Amino acid sequence: MALADALDEENRAITAALLAGQVIATQRILATENRRRIVSGRSADEVHPEAVADADLAFALLHHGPRAATGIRRDG
């Protein structure tokens, strides 16, 4: 409910649910990609720089929208 309480909109309950869903989906995608990399035989230490870059990009996209993808350098 904290997310819904922070929003000042008429439909804040649905807005909060949609925003939470985006965060959860993003986390799930990042976890799936990290798992895929590790299952392929790479160590967590090897995967870490790419995982951090992916997370930075993912949360920039959530924060700024698709325009965030322009100019963001993804190492890895």
C-alpha atoms as a PDB file:
ATOM      1  CA  MET A   1       0.000   0.000   0.000  1.00  0.00           C
ATOM      2  CA  ALA A   2       2.954   2.376   0.409  1.00  0.00           C
ATOM      3  CA  LEU A   3       3.213   2.785  -3.350  1.00  0.00           C
ATOM      4  CA  ALA A   4      -0.495   3.541  -3.667  1.00  0.00           C
ATOM      5  CA  ASP A   5      -0.297   6.008  -0.785  1.00  0.00           C
ATOM      6  CA  ALA A   6       2.596   7.832  -2.477  1.00  0.00           C
ATOM      7  CA  LEU A   7       0.573   8.432  -5.641  1.00  0.00           C
ATOM      8  CA  ASP A   8      -1.716  11.400  -5.979  1.00  0.00           C
ATOM      9  CA  GLU A   9      -4.054  10.130  -8.667  1.00  0.00           C
ATOM     10  CA  GLU A  10      -7.706   9.268  -8.978  1.00  0.00           C
ATOM     11  CA  ASN A  11      -6.940   5.660  -9.946  1.00  0.00           C
ATOM     12  CA  ARG A  12      -3.962   5.242  -7.674  1.00  0.00           C
ATOM     13  CA  ALA A  13      -4.697   1.623  -6.688  1.00  0.00           C
ATOM     14  CA  ILE A  14      -4.496   0.419 -10.288  1.00  0.00           C
ATOM     15  CA  THR A  15      -1.537   2.701 -10.952  1.00  0.00           C
ATOM     16  CA  ALA A  16       0.322   1.234  -7.984  1.00  0.00           C
ATOM     17  CA  ALA A  17      -0.463  -2.305  -9.125  1.00  0.00           C
ATOM     18  CA  LEU A  18       0.758  -1.555 -12.653  1.00  0.00           C
ATOM     19  CA  LEU A  19       3.977   0.023 -11.396  1.00  0.00           C
ATOM     20  CA  ALA A  20       4.635  -2.848  -8.990  1.00  0.00           C
ATOM     21  CA  GLY A  21       4.034  -5.305 -11.816  1.00  0.00           C
ATOM     22  CA  GLN A  22       6.626  -3.551 -13.951  1.00  0.00           C
ATOM     23  CA  VAL A  23       9.200  -3.769 -11.158  1.00  0.00           C
ATOM     24  CA  ILE A  24       8.460  -7.444 -10.493  1.00  0.00           C
ATOM     25  CA  ALA A  25       8.600  -8.312 -14.200  1.00  0.00           C
ATOM     26  CA  THR A  26      11.905  -6.455 -14.522  1.00  0.00           C
ATOM     27  CA  GLN A  27      13.397  -8.312 -11.574  1.00  0.00           C
ATOM     28  CA  ARG A  28      12.202 -11.627 -12.989  1.00  0.00           C
ATOM     29  CA  ILE A  29      13.735 -10.919 -16.409  1.00  0.00           C
ATOM     30  CA  LEU A  30      17.045  -9.898 -14.845  1.00  0.00           C
ATOM     31  CA  ALA A  31      17.104 -13.018 -12.647  1.00  0.00           C
ATOM     32  CA  THR A  32      16.296 -15.266 -15.606  1.00  0.00           C
ATOM     33  CA  GLU A  33      19.108 -13.756 -17.654  1.00  0.00           C
ATOM     34  CA  ASN A  34      21.592 -14.114 -14.781  1.00  0.00           C
ATOM     35  CA  ARG A  35      20.546 -17.721 -14.273  1.00  0.00           C
ATOM     36  CA  ARG A  36      20.962 -18.436 -17.993  1.00  0.00           C
ATOM     37  CA  ARG A  37      24.484 -17.037 -17.914  1.00  0.00           C
ATOM     38  CA  ILE A  38      25.483 -19.083 -14.866  1.00  0.00           C
ATOM     39  CA  VAL A  39      23.893 -22.298 -16.154  1.00  0.00           C
ATOM     40  CA  SER A  40      25.919 -21.880 -19.341  1.00  0.00           C
ATOM     41  CA  GLY A  41      29.040 -22.359 -17.228  1.00  0.00           C
ATOM     42  CA  ARG A  42      30.072 -18.841 -16.255  1.00  0.00           C
ATOM     43  CA  SER A  43      30.814 -17.932 -12.657  1.00  0.00           C
ATOM     44  CA  ALA A  44      28.898 -15.328 -10.684  1.00  0.00           C
ATOM     45  CA  ASP A  45      32.038 -13.191 -10.663  1.00  0.00           C
ATOM     46  CA  GLU A  46      32.203 -13.322 -14.461  1.00  0.00           C
ATOM     47  CA  VAL A  47      28.516 -12.471 -14.803  1.00  0.00           C
ATOM     48  CA  HIS A  48      28.519  -9.671 -12.243  1.00  0.00           C
ATOM     49  CA  PRO A  49      29.581  -6.734 -14.484  1.00  0.00           C
ATOM     50  CA  GLU A  50      26.970  -7.606 -17.107  1.00  0.00           C
ATOM     51  CA  ALA A  51      24.321  -8.146 -14.443  1.00  0.00           C
ATOM     52  CA  VAL A  52      25.006  -4.717 -12.938  1.00  0.00           C
ATOM     53  CA  ALA A  53      24.904  -3.045 -16.367  1.00  0.00           C
ATOM     54  CA  ASP A  54      21.646  -4.829 -17.194  1.00  0.00           C
ATOM     55  CA  ALA A  55      20.094  -3.795 -13.883  1.00  0.00           C
ATOM     56  CA  ASP A  56      21.207  -0.192 -14.367  1.00  0.00           C
ATOM     57  CA  LEU A  57      19.619  -0.148 -17.811  1.00  0.00           C
ATOM     58  CA  ALA A  58      16.456  -1.885 -16.646  1.00  0.00           C
ATOM     59  CA  PHE A  59      15.799   0.488 -13.794  1.00  0.00           C
ATOM     60  CA  ALA A  60      16.703   3.522 -15.906  1.00  0.00           C
ATOM     61  CA  LEU A  61      14.054   2.345 -18.363  1.00  0.00           C
ATOM     62  CA  LEU A  62      11.532   2.044 -15.543  1.00  0.00           C
ATOM     63  CA  HIS A  63      12.441   5.481 -14.256  1.00  0.00           C
ATOM     64  CA  HIS A  64      12.730   7.379 -17.532  1.00  0.00           C
ATOM     65  CA  GLY A  65      10.861   5.268 -20.076  1.00  0.00           C
ATOM     66  CA  PRO A  66      12.151   4.071 -23.457  1.00  0.00           C
ATOM     67  CA  ARG A  67      14.120   7.268 -24.036  1.00  0.00           C
ATOM     68  CA  ALA A  68      16.489   6.059 -21.321  1.00  0.00           C
ATOM     69  CA  ALA A  69      17.814   3.444 -23.744  1.00  0.00           C
ATOM     70  CA  THR A  70      19.307   6.210 -25.879  1.00  0.00           C
ATOM     71  CA  GLY A  71      22.759   7.088 -24.737  1.00  0.00           C
ATOM     72  CA  ILE A  72      23.018   4.451 -22.027  1.00  0.00           C
ATOM     73  CA  ARG A  73      26.141   2.380 -22.474  1.00  0.00           C
ATOM     74  CA  ARG A  74      25.719  -1.255 -21.608  1.00  0.00           C
ATOM     75  CA  ASP A  75      29.061  -2.914 -20.875  1.00  0.00           C
ATOM     76  CA  GLY A  76      29.282  -6.600 -21.435  1.00  0.00           C
END
